[in-house]
């Protein structure tokens, strides 16, 4: 995990034509996407992919459950629980366990103090449809961003905590970053995609985050 300093991030929703600014406290985020190997260690399940490959075919619901399982293995308080009345996933922001990054945290960590669409030349930093050969690749093989985070763009999309647009899309959740099957244009720090929390596919994974407790 890398500790990310607090700061300000500007977000936008091109569909609605809206922009907003969010202040962030310091937080921790994984240097790599979650790997098939970590998933095997936590769950005991054998994945089809090599241990160093990013975990894929995981839904948002499965992602939050995995966060809790990693927390329990590490002796931390699980960040998520289910509302007994509605079944909704609730994030207890006072807990110290692993969780999904918020959309604002993800974008802030991805840019790492840079201001452009990407933090480097795409072939140096990302696996995308122009160089991936039609598959995911082991994490950490491309250059990191200035804060030492690998595969923030390309290789696999990454689930975030946030709802996309509750009024229009109900429970749809956001994912960020682009994947191995995505076009060059789709691998950028501000690209937002969404899907139902049960959705899972072979270029969508996750990255762990934690809140900083002093």
N, C-alpha and C. Protein backbone atom coordinates (compact mmCIF):
# COMPACT_ATOMS: atom_id res chain seq x y z
N UNK A 1 0.84 -1.19 0.00
CA UNK A 1 0.00 0.00 0.00
C UNK A 1 0.88 1.24 0.00
N UNK A 2 0.44 2.27 -0.68
CA UNK A 2 1.12 3.56 -0.69
C UNK A 2 0.25 4.59 0.03
N UNK A 3 0.87 5.43 0.84
CA UNK A 3 0.10 6.50 1.49
C UNK A 3 0.03 7.70 0.56
N UNK A 4 -1.18 8.16 0.31
CA UNK A 4 -1.44 9.27 -0.58
C UNK A 4 -1.76 10.50 0.25
N UNK A 5 -1.09 11.62 0.03
CA UNK A 5 -1.37 12.82 0.83
C UNK A 5 -2.75 13.38 0.50
N UNK A 6 -3.33 14.05 1.47
CA UNK A 6 -4.61 14.71 1.22
C UNK A 6 -4.47 15.82 0.19
N UNK A 7 -5.59 16.20 -0.38
CA UNK A 7 -5.56 17.25 -1.38
C UNK A 7 -6.92 17.50 -1.98
N UNK A 8 -6.93 18.21 -3.08
CA UNK A 8 -8.17 18.60 -3.76
C UNK A 8 -8.22 17.94 -5.13
N UNK A 9 -9.39 17.42 -5.49
CA UNK A 9 -9.55 16.80 -6.80
C UNK A 9 -10.79 17.37 -7.48
N UNK A 10 -10.66 17.65 -8.76
CA UNK A 10 -11.78 18.14 -9.57
C UNK A 10 -12.34 16.98 -10.39
N UNK A 11 -13.63 16.77 -10.27
CA UNK A 11 -14.32 15.69 -10.98
C UNK A 11 -15.32 16.28 -11.96
N UNK A 12 -15.73 15.46 -12.93
CA UNK A 12 -16.72 15.94 -13.89
C UNK A 12 -17.58 14.78 -14.36
N UNK A 13 -18.80 15.10 -14.73
CA UNK A 13 -19.72 14.15 -15.33
C UNK A 13 -20.08 14.71 -16.70
N UNK A 14 -19.45 14.16 -17.74
CA UNK A 14 -19.67 14.69 -19.08
C UNK A 14 -21.10 14.46 -19.56
N UNK A 15 -21.76 13.42 -19.08
CA UNK A 15 -23.13 13.15 -19.49
C UNK A 15 -24.06 14.28 -19.06
N UNK A 16 -23.85 14.74 -17.83
CA UNK A 16 -24.69 15.82 -17.32
C UNK A 16 -24.08 17.20 -17.54
N UNK A 17 -22.80 17.24 -17.90
CA UNK A 17 -22.13 18.51 -18.06
C UNK A 17 -21.87 19.22 -16.75
N UNK A 18 -21.65 18.45 -15.68
CA UNK A 18 -21.42 19.03 -14.36
C UNK A 18 -19.99 18.79 -13.91
N UNK A 19 -19.50 19.68 -13.06
CA UNK A 19 -18.17 19.58 -12.47
C UNK A 19 -18.28 19.87 -10.98
N UNK A 20 -17.41 19.25 -10.19
CA UNK A 20 -17.40 19.52 -8.76
C UNK A 20 -16.02 19.26 -8.20
N UNK A 21 -15.77 19.83 -7.04
CA UNK A 21 -14.45 19.73 -6.37
C UNK A 21 -14.63 19.06 -5.02
N UNK A 22 -13.71 18.16 -4.69
CA UNK A 22 -13.77 17.40 -3.45
C UNK A 22 -12.45 17.49 -2.71
N UNK A 23 -12.53 17.70 -1.40
CA UNK A 23 -11.35 17.69 -0.54
C UNK A 23 -11.15 16.28 0.01
N UNK A 24 -9.92 15.79 -0.06
CA UNK A 24 -9.61 14.44 0.38
C UNK A 24 -8.65 14.45 1.55
N UNK A 25 -8.93 13.61 2.54
CA UNK A 25 -7.98 13.35 3.61
C UNK A 25 -6.94 12.35 3.10
N UNK A 26 -5.79 12.24 3.76
CA UNK A 26 -4.81 11.21 3.36
C UNK A 26 -5.44 9.81 3.40
N UNK A 27 -4.99 8.93 2.53
CA UNK A 27 -5.51 7.56 2.48
C UNK A 27 -4.44 6.63 1.94
N UNK A 28 -4.67 5.34 2.08
CA UNK A 28 -3.78 4.32 1.56
C UNK A 28 -4.43 3.67 0.35
N UNK A 29 -3.61 3.29 -0.64
CA UNK A 29 -4.13 2.60 -1.81
C UNK A 29 -3.09 1.59 -2.29
N UNK A 30 -3.56 0.49 -2.84
CA UNK A 30 -2.66 -0.56 -3.30
C UNK A 30 -1.76 -0.09 -4.43
N UNK A 31 -0.52 -0.54 -4.40
CA UNK A 31 0.41 -0.20 -5.49
C UNK A 31 0.06 -0.94 -6.78
N UNK A 32 -0.69 -2.03 -6.66
CA UNK A 32 -1.12 -2.82 -7.81
C UNK A 32 -2.60 -3.14 -7.67
N UNK A 33 -3.26 -3.49 -8.76
CA UNK A 33 -4.58 -4.09 -8.63
C UNK A 33 -4.48 -5.39 -7.83
N UNK A 34 -5.58 -5.79 -7.21
CA UNK A 34 -5.61 -7.08 -6.51
C UNK A 34 -5.30 -8.19 -7.51
N UNK A 35 -4.45 -9.11 -7.09
CA UNK A 35 -4.03 -10.20 -7.98
C UNK A 35 -4.82 -11.48 -7.72
N UNK A 36 -4.75 -12.37 -8.70
CA UNK A 36 -5.35 -13.70 -8.53
C UNK A 36 -4.70 -14.43 -7.36
N UNK A 37 -3.42 -14.17 -7.13
CA UNK A 37 -2.71 -14.81 -6.02
C UNK A 37 -3.24 -14.38 -4.66
N UNK A 38 -3.51 -13.08 -4.48
CA UNK A 38 -4.07 -12.62 -3.22
C UNK A 38 -5.45 -13.22 -3.01
N UNK A 39 -6.23 -13.25 -4.07
CA UNK A 39 -7.57 -13.84 -3.96
C UNK A 39 -7.48 -15.30 -3.52
N UNK A 40 -6.54 -16.05 -4.07
CA UNK A 40 -6.36 -17.46 -3.69
C UNK A 40 -5.95 -17.58 -2.23
N UNK A 41 -5.04 -16.72 -1.77
CA UNK A 41 -4.58 -16.76 -0.38
C UNK A 41 -5.72 -16.49 0.60
N UNK A 42 -6.62 -15.59 0.22
CA UNK A 42 -7.69 -15.18 1.12
C UNK A 42 -8.86 -16.16 1.09
N UNK A 43 -9.20 -16.66 -0.09
CA UNK A 43 -10.40 -17.48 -0.23
C UNK A 43 -10.11 -18.97 -0.33
N UNK A 44 -8.88 -19.33 -0.69
CA UNK A 44 -8.56 -20.73 -0.90
C UNK A 44 -9.00 -21.25 -2.25
N UNK A 45 -9.58 -20.38 -3.07
CA UNK A 45 -10.05 -20.79 -4.39
C UNK A 45 -8.92 -20.67 -5.41
N UNK A 46 -8.81 -21.64 -6.28
CA UNK A 46 -7.80 -21.63 -7.33
C UNK A 46 -8.33 -20.87 -8.54
N UNK A 47 -7.61 -19.83 -8.94
CA UNK A 47 -8.03 -19.03 -10.09
C UNK A 47 -7.40 -19.59 -11.35
N UNK A 48 -8.04 -19.31 -12.47
CA UNK A 48 -7.49 -19.76 -13.75
C UNK A 48 -6.23 -19.00 -14.13
N UNK A 49 -6.12 -17.76 -13.66
CA UNK A 49 -4.99 -16.91 -14.02
C UNK A 49 -3.79 -17.18 -13.11
N UNK A 50 -2.60 -16.82 -13.58
CA UNK A 50 -1.39 -16.90 -12.76
C UNK A 50 -1.50 -15.96 -11.57
N UNK A 51 -0.76 -16.27 -10.50
CA UNK A 51 -0.89 -15.51 -9.26
C UNK A 51 -0.62 -14.02 -9.44
N UNK A 52 0.31 -13.66 -10.34
CA UNK A 52 0.67 -12.25 -10.52
C UNK A 52 -0.25 -11.51 -11.48
N UNK A 53 -1.21 -12.20 -12.05
CA UNK A 53 -2.17 -11.55 -12.94
C UNK A 53 -3.23 -10.84 -12.12
N UNK A 54 -3.82 -9.78 -12.65
CA UNK A 54 -4.89 -9.11 -11.91
C UNK A 54 -6.12 -10.00 -11.79
N UNK A 55 -6.78 -9.94 -10.66
CA UNK A 55 -8.04 -10.64 -10.46
C UNK A 55 -9.10 -9.99 -11.35
N UNK A 56 -9.84 -10.79 -12.08
CA UNK A 56 -10.91 -10.28 -12.95
C UNK A 56 -12.17 -11.11 -12.74
N UNK A 57 -13.19 -10.81 -13.53
CA UNK A 57 -14.47 -11.51 -13.42
C UNK A 57 -15.02 -11.44 -11.99
N UNK A 58 -14.88 -10.27 -11.38
CA UNK A 58 -15.36 -10.07 -10.02
C UNK A 58 -16.39 -8.94 -10.02
N UNK A 59 -17.55 -9.19 -9.46
CA UNK A 59 -18.59 -8.18 -9.38
C UNK A 59 -18.28 -7.18 -8.28
N UNK A 60 -19.03 -6.08 -8.27
CA UNK A 60 -18.86 -5.10 -7.19
C UNK A 60 -19.20 -5.72 -5.84
N UNK A 61 -20.28 -6.51 -5.79
CA UNK A 61 -20.65 -7.18 -4.54
C UNK A 61 -19.53 -8.11 -4.07
N UNK A 62 -18.95 -8.86 -5.00
CA UNK A 62 -17.84 -9.74 -4.64
C UNK A 62 -16.62 -8.94 -4.19
N UNK A 63 -16.42 -7.78 -4.80
CA UNK A 63 -15.26 -6.94 -4.46
C UNK A 63 -15.35 -6.44 -3.02
N UNK A 64 -16.53 -5.97 -2.59
CA UNK A 64 -16.64 -5.48 -1.21
C UNK A 64 -16.51 -6.64 -0.23
N UNK A 65 -17.00 -7.82 -0.60
CA UNK A 65 -16.85 -8.99 0.27
C UNK A 65 -15.37 -9.38 0.38
N UNK A 66 -14.64 -9.29 -0.72
CA UNK A 66 -13.22 -9.60 -0.68
C UNK A 66 -12.48 -8.60 0.21
N UNK A 67 -12.85 -7.33 0.13
CA UNK A 67 -12.25 -6.32 1.03
C UNK A 67 -12.41 -6.75 2.48
N UNK A 68 -13.61 -7.18 2.86
CA UNK A 68 -13.86 -7.61 4.24
C UNK A 68 -13.03 -8.84 4.61
N UNK A 69 -12.87 -9.75 3.67
CA UNK A 69 -12.12 -10.96 3.96
C UNK A 69 -10.63 -10.66 4.13
N UNK A 70 -10.11 -9.74 3.34
CA UNK A 70 -8.71 -9.33 3.51
C UNK A 70 -8.55 -8.61 4.85
N UNK A 71 -9.52 -7.79 5.23
CA UNK A 71 -9.47 -7.11 6.53
C UNK A 71 -9.43 -8.12 7.67
N UNK A 72 -10.32 -9.12 7.62
CA UNK A 72 -10.38 -10.12 8.68
C UNK A 72 -9.07 -10.88 8.79
N UNK A 73 -8.47 -11.22 7.65
CA UNK A 73 -7.19 -11.93 7.65
C UNK A 73 -6.09 -11.09 8.27
N UNK A 74 -6.22 -9.77 8.15
CA UNK A 74 -5.19 -8.84 8.63
C UNK A 74 -5.48 -8.32 10.04
N UNK A 75 -6.55 -8.79 10.67
CA UNK A 75 -6.90 -8.35 12.01
C UNK A 75 -7.48 -6.95 12.07
N UNK A 76 -8.09 -6.51 10.97
CA UNK A 76 -8.69 -5.18 10.90
C UNK A 76 -10.21 -5.29 10.93
N UNK A 77 -10.85 -4.20 11.29
CA UNK A 77 -12.31 -4.17 11.33
C UNK A 77 -12.87 -4.07 9.93
N UNK A 78 -13.77 -4.95 9.52
CA UNK A 78 -14.34 -4.88 8.17
C UNK A 78 -15.03 -3.54 7.92
N UNK A 79 -14.80 -2.99 6.76
CA UNK A 79 -15.36 -1.68 6.43
C UNK A 79 -16.82 -1.74 6.02
N UNK A 80 -17.29 -2.92 5.60
CA UNK A 80 -18.63 -3.02 5.03
C UNK A 80 -19.51 -3.98 5.82
N UNK A 81 -20.79 -3.65 5.88
CA UNK A 81 -21.79 -4.57 6.40
C UNK A 81 -23.09 -4.37 5.63
N UNK A 82 -24.01 -5.28 5.80
CA UNK A 82 -25.28 -5.22 5.09
C UNK A 82 -26.37 -4.71 6.02
N UNK A 83 -27.15 -3.77 5.55
CA UNK A 83 -28.30 -3.28 6.29
C UNK A 83 -29.30 -4.44 6.43
N UNK A 84 -29.65 -4.84 7.66
CA UNK A 84 -30.54 -6.00 7.81
C UNK A 84 -31.93 -5.79 7.23
N UNK A 85 -32.35 -4.54 7.11
CA UNK A 85 -33.69 -4.27 6.59
C UNK A 85 -33.73 -4.27 5.07
N UNK A 86 -32.70 -3.68 4.44
CA UNK A 86 -32.73 -3.51 2.99
C UNK A 86 -31.74 -4.40 2.25
N UNK A 87 -30.73 -4.90 2.96
CA UNK A 87 -29.67 -5.66 2.31
C UNK A 87 -28.62 -4.81 1.65
N UNK A 88 -28.78 -3.47 1.71
CA UNK A 88 -27.81 -2.57 1.09
C UNK A 88 -26.45 -2.68 1.77
N UNK A 89 -25.39 -2.49 0.99
CA UNK A 89 -24.04 -2.48 1.54
C UNK A 89 -23.79 -1.11 2.17
N UNK A 90 -23.38 -1.12 3.44
CA UNK A 90 -23.10 0.11 4.18
C UNK A 90 -21.60 0.18 4.46
N UNK A 91 -21.01 1.33 4.21
CA UNK A 91 -19.59 1.55 4.51
C UNK A 91 -19.49 2.26 5.85
N UNK A 92 -18.86 1.63 6.82
CA UNK A 92 -18.59 2.24 8.12
C UNK A 92 -17.27 2.98 8.00
N UNK A 93 -17.33 4.28 7.85
CA UNK A 93 -16.13 5.07 7.58
C UNK A 93 -15.21 5.19 8.79
N UNK A 94 -15.65 4.72 9.95
CA UNK A 94 -14.79 4.74 11.13
C UNK A 94 -13.92 3.49 11.24
N UNK A 95 -14.21 2.48 10.44
CA UNK A 95 -13.45 1.23 10.51
C UNK A 95 -12.11 1.37 9.79
N UNK A 96 -11.15 0.57 10.21
CA UNK A 96 -9.79 0.66 9.66
C UNK A 96 -9.51 -0.39 8.60
N UNK A 97 -10.52 -1.13 8.18
CA UNK A 97 -10.31 -2.22 7.25
C UNK A 97 -10.14 -1.79 5.81
N UNK A 98 -9.85 -2.77 4.97
CA UNK A 98 -9.69 -2.52 3.53
C UNK A 98 -11.04 -2.23 2.89
N UNK A 99 -11.00 -1.43 1.84
CA UNK A 99 -12.22 -1.01 1.16
C UNK A 99 -11.88 -0.66 -0.28
N UNK A 100 -12.92 -0.34 -1.03
CA UNK A 100 -12.72 0.19 -2.37
C UNK A 100 -12.42 1.68 -2.28
N UNK A 101 -11.58 2.21 -3.16
CA UNK A 101 -11.39 3.67 -3.17
C UNK A 101 -12.66 4.36 -3.65
N UNK A 102 -12.86 5.58 -3.17
CA UNK A 102 -13.91 6.39 -3.77
C UNK A 102 -13.46 6.82 -5.16
N UNK A 103 -14.40 7.28 -5.95
CA UNK A 103 -14.04 7.76 -7.28
C UNK A 103 -13.05 8.91 -7.20
N UNK A 104 -13.26 9.83 -6.24
CA UNK A 104 -12.35 10.96 -6.10
C UNK A 104 -10.96 10.50 -5.69
N UNK A 105 -10.88 9.56 -4.74
CA UNK A 105 -9.57 9.03 -4.34
C UNK A 105 -8.87 8.36 -5.52
N UNK A 106 -9.64 7.59 -6.28
CA UNK A 106 -9.02 6.89 -7.41
C UNK A 106 -8.42 7.88 -8.40
N UNK A 107 -9.18 8.89 -8.79
CA UNK A 107 -8.67 9.85 -9.78
C UNK A 107 -7.47 10.62 -9.25
N UNK A 108 -7.54 11.03 -7.99
CA UNK A 108 -6.45 11.78 -7.37
C UNK A 108 -5.18 10.93 -7.34
N UNK A 109 -5.32 9.65 -6.96
CA UNK A 109 -4.16 8.75 -6.90
C UNK A 109 -3.62 8.47 -8.30
N UNK A 110 -4.51 8.33 -9.26
CA UNK A 110 -4.09 8.06 -10.63
C UNK A 110 -3.24 9.21 -11.18
N UNK A 111 -3.69 10.42 -11.01
CA UNK A 111 -2.98 11.57 -11.57
C UNK A 111 -1.66 11.84 -10.85
N UNK A 112 -1.61 11.57 -9.56
CA UNK A 112 -0.36 11.67 -8.80
C UNK A 112 0.33 13.02 -8.99
N UNK A 113 -0.45 14.08 -8.94
CA UNK A 113 0.12 15.42 -9.05
C UNK A 113 0.30 15.91 -10.46
N UNK A 114 0.00 15.07 -11.47
CA UNK A 114 0.09 15.51 -12.86
C UNK A 114 -1.25 16.13 -13.27
N UNK A 115 -1.25 16.81 -14.41
CA UNK A 115 -2.46 17.53 -14.80
C UNK A 115 -3.05 17.05 -16.12
N UNK A 116 -2.39 16.14 -16.82
CA UNK A 116 -2.85 15.72 -18.14
C UNK A 116 -3.85 14.58 -18.10
N UNK A 117 -4.22 14.13 -19.28
CA UNK A 117 -5.16 13.03 -19.42
C UNK A 117 -4.56 11.72 -18.92
N UNK A 118 -3.24 11.58 -19.10
CA UNK A 118 -2.49 10.43 -18.60
C UNK A 118 -1.21 10.92 -17.94
N UNK A 119 -0.63 10.10 -17.07
CA UNK A 119 0.59 10.47 -16.36
C UNK A 119 1.85 10.07 -17.10
N UNK A 120 1.70 9.58 -18.33
CA UNK A 120 2.86 9.20 -19.14
C UNK A 120 2.43 8.76 -20.52
N UNK A 121 3.38 8.36 -21.33
CA UNK A 121 3.09 7.88 -22.68
C UNK A 121 2.41 6.51 -22.56
N UNK A 122 1.32 6.32 -23.30
CA UNK A 122 0.43 5.19 -23.02
C UNK A 122 1.12 3.84 -23.13
N UNK A 123 1.98 3.63 -24.14
CA UNK A 123 2.60 2.32 -24.27
C UNK A 123 3.59 2.03 -23.15
N UNK A 124 4.05 3.06 -22.47
CA UNK A 124 4.98 2.86 -21.36
C UNK A 124 4.25 2.55 -20.05
N UNK A 125 2.98 2.97 -19.93
CA UNK A 125 2.29 2.87 -18.64
C UNK A 125 1.11 1.92 -18.64
N UNK A 126 0.58 1.52 -19.80
CA UNK A 126 -0.71 0.82 -19.82
C UNK A 126 -0.76 -0.31 -20.84
N UNK A 127 -1.49 -1.38 -20.47
CA UNK A 127 -1.90 -2.41 -21.41
C UNK A 127 -3.29 -2.05 -21.91
N UNK A 128 -3.46 -1.90 -23.21
CA UNK A 128 -4.74 -1.53 -23.80
C UNK A 128 -4.87 -2.29 -25.11
N UNK A 129 -5.90 -2.03 -25.91
CA UNK A 129 -6.13 -2.88 -27.08
C UNK A 129 -5.03 -2.77 -28.14
N UNK A 130 -4.22 -1.72 -28.05
CA UNK A 130 -3.15 -1.56 -29.03
C UNK A 130 -1.88 -2.33 -28.72
N UNK A 131 -1.75 -2.89 -27.50
CA UNK A 131 -0.51 -3.61 -27.17
C UNK A 131 -0.71 -4.83 -26.27
N UNK A 132 -1.94 -5.11 -25.88
CA UNK A 132 -2.17 -6.16 -24.88
C UNK A 132 -2.20 -7.57 -25.46
N UNK A 133 -2.37 -7.68 -26.78
CA UNK A 133 -2.49 -9.01 -27.37
C UNK A 133 -3.78 -9.72 -26.98
N UNK A 134 -4.77 -8.94 -26.55
CA UNK A 134 -6.07 -9.52 -26.23
C UNK A 134 -6.16 -10.22 -24.89
N UNK A 135 -5.36 -9.80 -23.92
CA UNK A 135 -5.40 -10.45 -22.60
C UNK A 135 -4.85 -9.53 -21.53
N UNK A 136 -5.16 -9.86 -20.28
CA UNK A 136 -4.57 -9.17 -19.15
C UNK A 136 -3.12 -9.62 -18.96
N UNK A 137 -2.32 -8.77 -18.32
CA UNK A 137 -0.91 -9.07 -18.09
C UNK A 137 -0.58 -8.96 -16.60
N UNK A 138 0.50 -9.60 -16.21
CA UNK A 138 0.93 -9.53 -14.81
C UNK A 138 1.04 -8.08 -14.37
N UNK A 139 0.65 -7.83 -13.13
CA UNK A 139 0.67 -6.45 -12.62
C UNK A 139 2.11 -5.97 -12.47
N UNK A 140 2.30 -4.66 -12.60
CA UNK A 140 3.60 -4.06 -12.35
C UNK A 140 4.59 -4.14 -13.49
N UNK A 141 4.16 -4.57 -14.68
CA UNK A 141 5.09 -4.71 -15.80
C UNK A 141 5.31 -3.40 -16.55
N UNK A 142 4.41 -2.45 -16.40
CA UNK A 142 4.56 -1.15 -17.03
C UNK A 142 5.08 -0.13 -16.01
N UNK A 143 5.44 1.06 -16.49
CA UNK A 143 5.97 2.10 -15.60
C UNK A 143 4.90 2.59 -14.63
N UNK A 144 5.28 2.87 -13.38
CA UNK A 144 4.32 3.41 -12.41
C UNK A 144 4.10 4.90 -12.62
N UNK A 145 3.09 5.42 -11.94
CA UNK A 145 2.91 6.87 -11.94
C UNK A 145 3.88 7.50 -10.94
N UNK A 146 3.92 8.83 -10.81
CA UNK A 146 4.91 9.47 -9.93
C UNK A 146 4.78 9.09 -8.45
N UNK A 147 3.66 8.51 -8.04
CA UNK A 147 3.50 8.07 -6.65
C UNK A 147 3.73 6.58 -6.49
N UNK A 148 4.28 5.94 -7.52
CA UNK A 148 4.65 4.54 -7.40
C UNK A 148 3.49 3.56 -7.53
N UNK A 149 2.42 3.96 -8.21
CA UNK A 149 1.25 3.10 -8.40
C UNK A 149 1.27 2.55 -9.82
N UNK A 150 1.12 1.24 -9.94
CA UNK A 150 1.19 0.56 -11.23
C UNK A 150 -0.21 0.25 -11.77
N UNK A 151 -0.32 0.25 -13.09
CA UNK A 151 -1.54 -0.19 -13.77
C UNK A 151 -2.77 0.64 -13.38
N UNK A 152 -2.56 1.89 -13.01
CA UNK A 152 -3.73 2.74 -12.76
C UNK A 152 -4.52 2.95 -14.04
N UNK A 153 -3.84 2.93 -15.17
CA UNK A 153 -4.51 2.99 -16.47
C UNK A 153 -4.21 1.69 -17.22
N UNK A 154 -5.22 1.14 -17.86
CA UNK A 154 -5.05 -0.08 -18.63
C UNK A 154 -4.98 -1.33 -17.77
N UNK A 155 -4.82 -2.45 -18.42
CA UNK A 155 -4.79 -3.80 -17.84
C UNK A 155 -6.18 -4.22 -17.37
N UNK A 156 -6.67 -3.65 -16.25
CA UNK A 156 -8.05 -3.92 -15.85
C UNK A 156 -8.71 -2.65 -15.35
N UNK A 157 -9.99 -2.50 -15.65
CA UNK A 157 -10.80 -1.48 -15.00
C UNK A 157 -10.86 -1.80 -13.51
N UNK A 158 -11.14 -0.78 -12.68
CA UNK A 158 -11.16 -0.99 -11.24
C UNK A 158 -12.44 -0.43 -10.64
N UNK A 159 -13.15 -1.28 -9.90
CA UNK A 159 -14.36 -0.85 -9.21
C UNK A 159 -14.04 0.25 -8.19
N UNK A 160 -14.92 1.22 -8.09
CA UNK A 160 -14.89 2.23 -7.03
C UNK A 160 -16.14 2.07 -6.16
N UNK A 161 -16.15 2.74 -5.04
CA UNK A 161 -17.27 2.65 -4.11
C UNK A 161 -18.53 3.31 -4.65
N UNK A 162 -18.41 4.40 -5.38
CA UNK A 162 -19.52 5.32 -5.63
C UNK A 162 -20.61 4.79 -6.55
N UNK A 163 -21.82 5.25 -6.27
CA UNK A 163 -22.93 5.12 -7.21
C UNK A 163 -22.69 6.05 -8.39
N UNK A 164 -23.10 5.63 -9.58
CA UNK A 164 -22.91 6.45 -10.77
C UNK A 164 -23.92 7.59 -10.84
N UNK A 165 -25.19 7.26 -10.80
CA UNK A 165 -26.26 8.26 -10.84
C UNK A 165 -27.51 7.57 -10.33
N UNK A 166 -27.75 7.68 -9.02
CA UNK A 166 -28.81 6.90 -8.39
C UNK A 166 -30.19 7.21 -8.98
N UNK A 167 -30.44 8.46 -9.38
CA UNK A 167 -31.75 8.82 -9.90
C UNK A 167 -32.03 8.15 -11.24
N UNK A 168 -31.01 8.02 -12.08
CA UNK A 168 -31.20 7.46 -13.41
C UNK A 168 -30.84 5.97 -13.47
N UNK A 169 -29.73 5.58 -12.83
CA UNK A 169 -29.20 4.22 -12.97
C UNK A 169 -29.36 3.38 -11.71
N UNK A 170 -30.03 3.91 -10.69
CA UNK A 170 -30.31 3.17 -9.47
C UNK A 170 -29.00 2.72 -8.81
N UNK A 171 -28.75 1.40 -8.75
CA UNK A 171 -27.63 0.88 -7.97
C UNK A 171 -26.34 0.73 -8.76
N UNK A 172 -26.27 1.23 -9.99
CA UNK A 172 -25.06 1.08 -10.80
C UNK A 172 -23.86 1.74 -10.11
N UNK A 173 -22.72 1.06 -10.16
CA UNK A 173 -21.49 1.55 -9.53
C UNK A 173 -20.46 1.93 -10.58
N UNK A 174 -19.51 2.76 -10.17
CA UNK A 174 -18.50 3.31 -11.07
C UNK A 174 -17.28 2.41 -11.12
N UNK A 175 -16.69 2.28 -12.31
CA UNK A 175 -15.34 1.74 -12.41
C UNK A 175 -14.49 2.65 -13.28
N UNK A 176 -13.17 2.60 -13.06
CA UNK A 176 -12.25 3.57 -13.64
C UNK A 176 -11.02 2.90 -14.23
N UNK A 177 -10.33 3.64 -15.11
CA UNK A 177 -8.97 3.31 -15.50
C UNK A 177 -8.74 2.66 -16.84
N UNK A 178 -9.74 2.03 -17.44
CA UNK A 178 -9.51 1.34 -18.70
C UNK A 178 -8.93 -0.04 -18.50
N UNK A 179 -9.10 -0.91 -19.49
CA UNK A 179 -8.61 -2.27 -19.39
C UNK A 179 -7.89 -2.70 -20.66
N UNK A 180 -7.46 -3.95 -20.67
CA UNK A 180 -6.66 -4.46 -21.79
C UNK A 180 -7.43 -4.46 -23.11
N UNK A 181 -8.75 -4.48 -23.05
CA UNK A 181 -9.56 -4.48 -24.27
C UNK A 181 -10.02 -3.09 -24.68
N UNK A 182 -9.64 -2.08 -23.91
CA UNK A 182 -10.12 -0.71 -24.15
C UNK A 182 -9.24 0.00 -25.18
N UNK A 183 -9.86 0.95 -25.88
CA UNK A 183 -9.11 1.77 -26.83
C UNK A 183 -8.16 2.71 -26.10
N UNK A 184 -7.22 3.26 -26.85
CA UNK A 184 -6.29 4.24 -26.26
C UNK A 184 -7.05 5.39 -25.63
N UNK A 185 -8.07 5.89 -26.32
CA UNK A 185 -8.84 7.03 -25.81
C UNK A 185 -9.54 6.71 -24.49
N UNK A 186 -9.91 5.45 -24.30
CA UNK A 186 -10.63 5.07 -23.09
C UNK A 186 -9.77 4.86 -21.87
N UNK A 187 -8.46 4.97 -22.00
CA UNK A 187 -7.55 4.81 -20.86
C UNK A 187 -7.04 6.18 -20.42
N UNK A 188 -7.81 6.85 -19.60
CA UNK A 188 -7.46 8.19 -19.14
C UNK A 188 -7.93 8.43 -17.72
N UNK A 189 -7.32 9.38 -17.05
CA UNK A 189 -7.59 9.62 -15.64
C UNK A 189 -9.01 10.07 -15.35
N UNK A 190 -9.69 10.65 -16.33
CA UNK A 190 -11.03 11.18 -16.09
C UNK A 190 -12.14 10.32 -16.68
N UNK A 191 -11.81 9.19 -17.29
CA UNK A 191 -12.83 8.34 -17.92
C UNK A 191 -13.65 7.63 -16.83
N UNK A 192 -14.98 7.71 -16.96
CA UNK A 192 -15.89 7.10 -15.99
C UNK A 192 -16.77 6.09 -16.73
N UNK A 193 -16.89 4.89 -16.17
CA UNK A 193 -17.83 3.90 -16.69
C UNK A 193 -18.66 3.37 -15.52
N UNK A 194 -19.75 2.66 -15.84
CA UNK A 194 -20.61 2.18 -14.78
C UNK A 194 -21.27 0.87 -15.21
N UNK A 195 -21.71 0.10 -14.20
CA UNK A 195 -22.51 -1.07 -14.47
C UNK A 195 -23.19 -1.53 -13.19
N UNK A 196 -24.10 -2.47 -13.35
CA UNK A 196 -24.82 -3.04 -12.22
C UNK A 196 -23.81 -3.73 -11.29
N UNK A 197 -24.02 -3.69 -9.98
CA UNK A 197 -23.03 -4.28 -9.06
C UNK A 197 -22.89 -5.79 -9.17
N UNK A 198 -23.75 -6.45 -9.93
CA UNK A 198 -23.58 -7.89 -10.19
C UNK A 198 -22.73 -8.16 -11.43
N UNK A 199 -22.40 -7.12 -12.18
CA UNK A 199 -21.67 -7.28 -13.43
C UNK A 199 -20.24 -7.75 -13.18
N UNK A 200 -19.76 -8.68 -13.99
CA UNK A 200 -18.38 -9.16 -13.91
C UNK A 200 -17.91 -9.51 -15.32
N UNK A 201 -16.66 -9.20 -15.63
CA UNK A 201 -16.12 -9.45 -16.96
C UNK A 201 -14.60 -9.59 -16.85
N UNK A 202 -13.98 -10.04 -17.94
CA UNK A 202 -12.56 -10.40 -17.87
C UNK A 202 -11.59 -9.24 -18.00
N UNK A 203 -12.07 -7.99 -17.99
CA UNK A 203 -11.12 -6.86 -17.92
C UNK A 203 -11.52 -5.89 -16.80
N UNK A 204 -12.17 -6.42 -15.76
CA UNK A 204 -12.63 -5.59 -14.64
C UNK A 204 -12.19 -6.23 -13.33
N UNK A 205 -11.45 -5.46 -12.51
CA UNK A 205 -10.96 -5.94 -11.23
C UNK A 205 -11.16 -4.90 -10.14
N UNK A 206 -10.19 -4.81 -9.23
CA UNK A 206 -10.28 -3.85 -8.14
C UNK A 206 -8.90 -3.57 -7.58
N UNK A 207 -8.83 -2.50 -6.81
CA UNK A 207 -7.62 -2.10 -6.08
C UNK A 207 -8.05 -1.77 -4.66
N UNK A 208 -7.30 -2.24 -3.68
CA UNK A 208 -7.67 -2.00 -2.29
C UNK A 208 -7.27 -0.60 -1.83
N UNK A 209 -8.06 -0.07 -0.91
CA UNK A 209 -7.75 1.20 -0.26
C UNK A 209 -8.00 1.05 1.24
N UNK A 210 -7.47 1.97 2.01
CA UNK A 210 -7.75 2.05 3.45
C UNK A 210 -7.71 3.51 3.87
N UNK A 211 -8.52 3.82 4.87
CA UNK A 211 -8.45 5.15 5.46
C UNK A 211 -7.26 5.22 6.40
N UNK A 212 -6.66 6.39 6.52
CA UNK A 212 -5.51 6.59 7.41
C UNK A 212 -6.03 6.97 8.79
N UNK A 213 -5.59 6.21 9.80
CA UNK A 213 -5.98 6.48 11.18
C UNK A 213 -4.74 6.89 11.97
N UNK A 214 -4.76 8.09 12.53
CA UNK A 214 -3.61 8.60 13.29
C UNK A 214 -3.81 8.33 14.79
